[in-house]
C-alpha atoms as a PDB file:
ATOM      1  CA  MET A   1      49.445  41.096 125.535  1.00  0.00           C
ATOM      2  CA  SER A   2      45.938  40.992 124.093  1.00  0.00           C
ATOM      3  CA  ASP A   3      44.927  39.613 120.732  1.00  0.00           C
ATOM      4  CA  LYS A   4      43.650  43.005 119.549  1.00  0.00           C
ATOM      5  CA  ILE A   5      46.273  45.530 118.633  1.00  0.00           C
ATOM      6  CA  ASP A   6      45.467  49.173 119.215  1.00  0.00           C
ATOM      7  CA  PRO A   7      47.278  51.132 116.502  1.00  0.00           C
ATOM      8  CA  THR A   8      46.949  54.325 118.550  1.00  0.00           C
ATOM      9  CA  ALA A   9      48.557  52.918 121.716  1.00  0.00           C
ATOM     10  CA  ALA A  10      52.145  53.616 122.635  1.00  0.00           C
ATOM     11  CA  PRO A  11      54.498  50.889 121.356  1.00  0.00           C
ATOM     12  CA  ILE A  12      55.576  48.160 123.744  1.00  0.00           C
ATOM     13  CA  SER A  13      59.219  48.401 124.699  1.00  0.00           C
ATOM     14  CA  ALA A  14      61.743  45.700 123.847  1.00  0.00           C
ATOM     15  CA  ASP A  15      62.217  45.164 127.600  1.00  0.00           C
ATOM     16  CA  GLU A  16      58.489  44.489 128.022  1.00  0.00           C
ATOM     17  CA  LEU A  17      58.523  42.006 125.136  1.00  0.00           C
ATOM     18  CA  ARG A  18      61.539  40.214 126.603  1.00  0.00           C
ATOM     19  CA  MET A  19      59.857  40.113 130.019  1.00  0.00           C
ATOM     20  CA  SER A  20      56.710  38.674 128.452  1.00  0.00           C
ATOM     21  CA  ILE A  21      58.735  35.877 126.833  1.00  0.00           C
ATOM     22  CA  LEU A  22      60.636  35.306 130.060  1.00  0.00           C
ATOM     23  CA  ARG A  23      57.359  35.033 132.049  1.00  0.00           C
ATOM     24  CA  LYS A  24      56.050  32.432 129.576  1.00  0.00           C
ATOM     25  CA  GLU A  25      59.266  30.437 129.860  1.00  0.00           C
ATOM     26  CA  MET A  26      59.164  30.647 133.676  1.00  0.00           C
ATOM     27  CA  ASP A  27      55.519  29.484 133.682  1.00  0.00           C
ATOM     28  CA  LYS A  28      56.439  26.547 131.444  1.00  0.00           C
ATOM     29  CA  MET A  29      59.379  25.639 133.704  1.00  0.00           C
ATOM     30  CA  ASP A  30      57.080  25.821 136.747  1.00  0.00           C
ATOM     31  CA  VAL A  31      54.594  23.416 135.115  1.00  0.00           C
ATOM     32  CA  GLU A  32      57.452  21.027 134.259  1.00  0.00           C
ATOM     33  CA  ARG A  33      58.858  21.254 137.811  1.00  0.00           C
ATOM     34  CA  LYS A  34      55.449  20.485 139.314  1.00  0.00           C
ATOM     35  CA  ALA A  35      55.070  17.492 136.977  1.00  0.00           C
ATOM     36  CA  ARG A  36      58.533  16.191 137.999  1.00  0.00           C
ATOM     37  CA  GLU A  37      57.662  16.641 141.679  1.00  0.00           C
ATOM     38  CA  ALA A  38      54.369  14.781 141.228  1.00  0.00           C
ATOM     39  CA  GLU A  39      56.176  11.955 139.405  1.00  0.00           C
ATOM     40  CA  GLN A  40      58.805  11.779 142.157  1.00  0.00           C
ATOM     41  CA  LYS A  41      56.096  11.690 144.824  1.00  0.00           C
ATOM     42  CA  LYS A  42      54.366   8.867 142.947  1.00  0.00           C
ATOM     43  CA  LEU A  43      57.651   6.929 142.664  1.00  0.00           C
ATOM     44  CA  THR A  44      58.407   7.457 146.362  1.00  0.00           C
ATOM     45  CA  ALA A  45      54.961   6.099 147.315  1.00  0.00           C
ATOM     46  CA  PHE A  46      55.400   3.118 144.954  1.00  0.00           C
ATOM     47  CA  THR A  47      58.876   2.406 146.362  1.00  0.00           C
ATOM     48  CA  ASP A  48      57.631   2.558 149.948  1.00  0.00           C
ATOM     49  CA  ASP A  49      54.763   0.198 149.115  1.00  0.00           C
ATOM     50  CA  PHE A  50      57.061  -2.092 147.093  1.00  0.00           C
ATOM     51  CA  LEU A  51      59.710  -2.418 149.805  1.00  0.00           C
ATOM     52  CA  HIS A  52      57.606  -2.346 152.978  1.00  0.00           C
ATOM     53  CA  ARG A  53      54.259  -3.982 152.228  1.00  0.00           C
ATOM     54  CA  HIS A  54      53.259  -7.480 151.169  1.00  0.00           C
ATOM     55  CA  VAL A  55      51.730  -8.452 147.850  1.00  0.00           C
ATOM     56  CA  SER A  56      48.015  -7.787 148.197  1.00  0.00           C
ATOM     57  CA  GLU A  57      45.118  -9.989 147.179  1.00  0.00           C
ATOM     58  CA  ASP A  58      44.242  -7.317 144.591  1.00  0.00           C
ATOM     59  CA  GLU A  59      47.717  -7.663 143.046  1.00  0.00           C
ATOM     60  CA  ILE A  60      47.333 -11.463 142.895  1.00  0.00           C
ATOM     61  CA  ALA A  61      43.905 -10.999 141.315  1.00  0.00           C
ATOM     62  CA  MET A  62      45.472  -8.655 138.745  1.00  0.00           C
ATOM     63  CA  VAL A  63      48.077 -11.295 137.829  1.00  0.00           C
ATOM     64  CA  ARG A  64      45.288 -13.825 137.340  1.00  0.00           C
ATOM     65  CA  ARG A  65      43.296 -11.381 135.184  1.00  0.00           C
ATOM     66  CA  LEU A  66      46.356 -10.675 133.026  1.00  0.00           C
ATOM     67  CA  VAL A  67      46.901 -14.409 132.504  1.00  0.00           C
ATOM     68  CA  ALA A  68      43.195 -14.998 131.767  1.00  0.00           C
ATOM     69  CA  ASN A  69      43.187 -12.154 129.224  1.00  0.00           C
ATOM     70  CA  ALA A  70      46.321 -13.513 127.532  1.00  0.00           C
ATOM     71  CA  VAL A  71      44.749 -16.985 127.332  1.00  0.00           C
ATOM     72  CA  LYS A  72      41.587 -15.424 125.904  1.00  0.00           C
ATOM     73  CA  ASP A  73      43.802 -13.829 123.216  1.00  0.00           C
ATOM     74  CA  GLY A  74      45.463 -17.190 122.463  1.00  0.00           C
ATOM     75  CA  LYS A  75      48.789 -16.238 124.024  1.00  0.00           C
ATOM     76  CA  PHE A  76      51.116 -18.408 126.101  1.00  0.00           C
ATOM     77  CA  GLU A  77      52.792 -15.587 128.001  1.00  0.00           C
ATOM     78  CA  ALA A  78      51.839 -12.425 129.863  1.00  0.00           C
ATOM     79  CA  MET A  79      53.752  -9.667 131.569  1.00  0.00           C
ATOM     80  CA  VAL A  80      52.265  -9.908 135.045  1.00  0.00           C
ATOM     81  CA  TYR A  81      54.297  -7.354 137.016  1.00  0.00           C
ATOM     82  CA  SER A  82      56.737  -4.513 136.471  1.00  0.00           C
ATOM     83  CA  PHE A  83      58.865  -2.320 138.683  1.00  0.00           C
ATOM     84  CA  PRO A  84      61.826   0.061 138.378  1.00  0.00           C
ATOM     85  CA  SER A  85      65.192  -1.681 137.976  1.00  0.00           C
ATOM     86  CA  SER A  86      66.519   0.623 140.691  1.00  0.00           C
ATOM     87  CA  LEU A  87      64.592  -1.549 143.158  1.00  0.00           C
ATOM     88  CA  CYS A  88      66.885  -4.492 142.425  1.00  0.00           C
ATOM     89  CA  THR A  89      69.973  -4.590 144.616  1.00  0.00           C
ATOM     90  CA  ASP A  90      72.165  -4.263 141.497  1.00  0.00           C
ATOM     91  CA  GLY A  91      70.032  -1.846 139.488  1.00  0.00           C
ATOM     92  CA  GLY A  92      68.825  -4.637 137.183  1.00  0.00           C
ATOM     93  CA  ARG A  93      72.265  -5.669 135.866  1.00  0.00           C
ATOM     94  CA  ALA A  94      71.873  -9.393 136.614  1.00  0.00           C
ATOM     95  CA  ILE A  95      68.487  -9.489 134.882  1.00  0.00           C
ATOM     96  CA  ASN A  96      69.805  -7.510 131.917  1.00  0.00           C
ATOM     97  CA  ASN A  97      72.788  -9.891 131.605  1.00  0.00           C
ATOM     98  CA  ASN A  98      70.626 -13.003 132.062  1.00  0.00           C
ATOM     99  CA  ASP A  99      72.704 -14.010 135.083  1.00  0.00           C
ATOM    100  CA  ALA A 100      71.352 -17.215 136.645  1.00  0.00           C
ATOM    101  CA  ARG A 101      71.532 -15.543 140.067  1.00  0.00           C
ATOM    102  CA  TRP A 102      69.165 -12.701 139.117  1.00  0.00           C
ATOM    103  CA  PRO A 103      66.560 -13.773 141.720  1.00  0.00           C
ATOM    104  CA  ASP A 104      69.106 -12.949 144.442  1.00  0.00           C
ATOM    105  CA  THR A 105      68.891  -9.267 143.426  1.00  0.00           C
ATOM    106  CA  LEU A 106      65.142  -9.052 144.015  1.00  0.00           C
ATOM    107  CA  GLN A 107      63.701  -7.385 147.062  1.00  0.00           C
ATOM    108  CA  GLY A 108      60.316  -6.339 148.375  1.00  0.00           C
ATOM    109  CA  LYS A 109      57.248  -7.370 146.423  1.00  0.00           C
ATOM    110  CA  ALA A 110      59.332  -8.624 143.490  1.00  0.00           C
ATOM    111  CA  ARG A 111      61.046 -11.125 145.787  1.00  0.00           C
ATOM    112  CA  GLU A 112      57.729 -12.100 147.321  1.00  0.00           C
ATOM    113  CA  LEU A 113      56.182 -12.673 143.886  1.00  0.00           C
ATOM    114  CA  PHE A 114      59.196 -14.701 142.780  1.00  0.00           C
ATOM    115  CA  ASP A 115      58.988 -16.863 145.930  1.00  0.00           C
ATOM    116  CA  ARG A 116      55.252 -17.303 145.343  1.00  0.00           C
ATOM    117  CA  TYR A 117      55.996 -18.381 141.769  1.00  0.00           C
ATOM    118  CA  GLN A 118      58.601 -20.909 143.009  1.00  0.00           C
ATOM    119  CA  GLU A 119      56.188 -22.309 145.578  1.00  0.00           C
ATOM    120  CA  ARG A 120      52.918 -22.354 143.618  1.00  0.00           C
ATOM    121  CA  ALA A 121      53.260 -21.745 139.896  1.00  0.00           C
ATOM    122  CA  LYS A 122      56.496 -23.510 138.953  1.00  0.00           C
ATOM    123  CA  PRO A 123      55.259 -26.897 140.260  1.00  0.00           C
ATOM    124  CA  GLN A 124      52.193 -26.382 138.042  1.00  0.00           C
ATOM    125  CA  GLY A 125      54.381 -26.110 134.912  1.00  0.00           C
ATOM    126  CA  PHE A 126      54.649 -22.337 134.630  1.00  0.00           C
ATOM    127  CA  LYS A 127      57.893 -20.559 133.772  1.00  0.00           C
ATOM    128  CA  LEU A 128      58.901 -17.086 134.892  1.00  0.00           C
ATOM    129  CA  LYS A 129      61.390 -14.805 133.242  1.00  0.00           C
ATOM    130  CA  ALA A 130      62.465 -11.319 134.155  1.00  0.00           C
ATOM    131  CA  MET A 131      63.534  -8.811 131.514  1.00  0.00           C
ATOM    132  CA  VAL A 132      64.469  -5.168 131.307  1.00  0.00           C
ATOM    133  CA  ILE A 133      61.565  -3.734 129.318  1.00  0.00           C
ATOM    134  CA  ASN A 134      62.902  -0.244 128.596  1.00  0.00           C
ATOM    135  CA  PHE A 135      66.192   1.611 128.545  1.00  0.00           C
ATOM    136  CA  PRO A 136      65.736   5.325 129.234  1.00  0.00           C
ATOM    137  CA  GLY A 137      68.973   7.123 128.517  1.00  0.00           C
ATOM    138  CA  GLY A 138      70.560   3.773 127.591  1.00  0.00           C
ATOM    139  CA  MET A 139      70.292   2.454 131.162  1.00  0.00           C
ATOM    140  CA  PRO A 140      68.005  -0.334 132.428  1.00  0.00           C
ATOM    141  CA  GLY A 141      64.629   1.189 133.233  1.00  0.00           C
ATOM    142  CA  ASP A 142      61.789  -1.073 134.298  1.00  0.00           C
ATOM    143  CA  ILE A 143      61.847  -4.813 134.915  1.00  0.00           C
ATOM    144  CA  GLY A 144      58.976  -6.972 133.701  1.00  0.00           C
ATOM    145  CA  PHE A 145      58.021 -10.391 135.070  1.00  0.00           C
ATOM    146  CA  PHE A 146      56.675 -12.617 132.311  1.00  0.00           C
ATOM    147  CA  LEU A 147      54.698 -15.720 133.221  1.00  0.00           C
ATOM    148  CA  ASN A 148      54.749 -18.407 130.542  1.00  0.00           C
ATOM    149  CA  TRP A 149      52.617 -21.559 130.153  1.00  0.00           C
ATOM    150  CA  ALA A 150      53.687 -22.670 126.665  1.00  0.00           C
ATOM    151  CA  PRO A 151      54.049 -26.407 126.118  1.00  0.00           C
ATOM    152  CA  PRO A 152      57.567 -27.766 126.569  1.00  0.00           C
ATOM    153  CA  ALA A 153      59.726 -27.558 123.443  1.00  0.00           C
ATOM    154  CA  VAL A 154      60.191 -30.898 121.721  1.00  0.00           C
END
């Protein structure tokens, strides 16, 4: 349908109007489907990288930049990593329930980062906590690793 209406033209049928609306709805659904497919492809690539590759030097550099920026802002904590809770062996339940055994549910890069924390950062006085940072549909969504360097509580 054009923006100009020709008053001398034959009227458009109700079927044509319905088809026009249907085409618009189908186009919108196609755009949404393509967006879902792109998001799924992105998640699949992230999951493959997360589970099958090692933490890169760039990822370590990013953690250091996040900490440096937090310090610059006068903060004692920074979220240094996040990943979907579905990549925990229990879907993030242990982290959400603050179970002391939550590290046992980690896999892939999350496990590697936790082990790196245990080996290098914890002896330097850092603390690490894991939290569910969002709840889409009421279920645990993403997990965040928070590195903390606040002074010990007195």
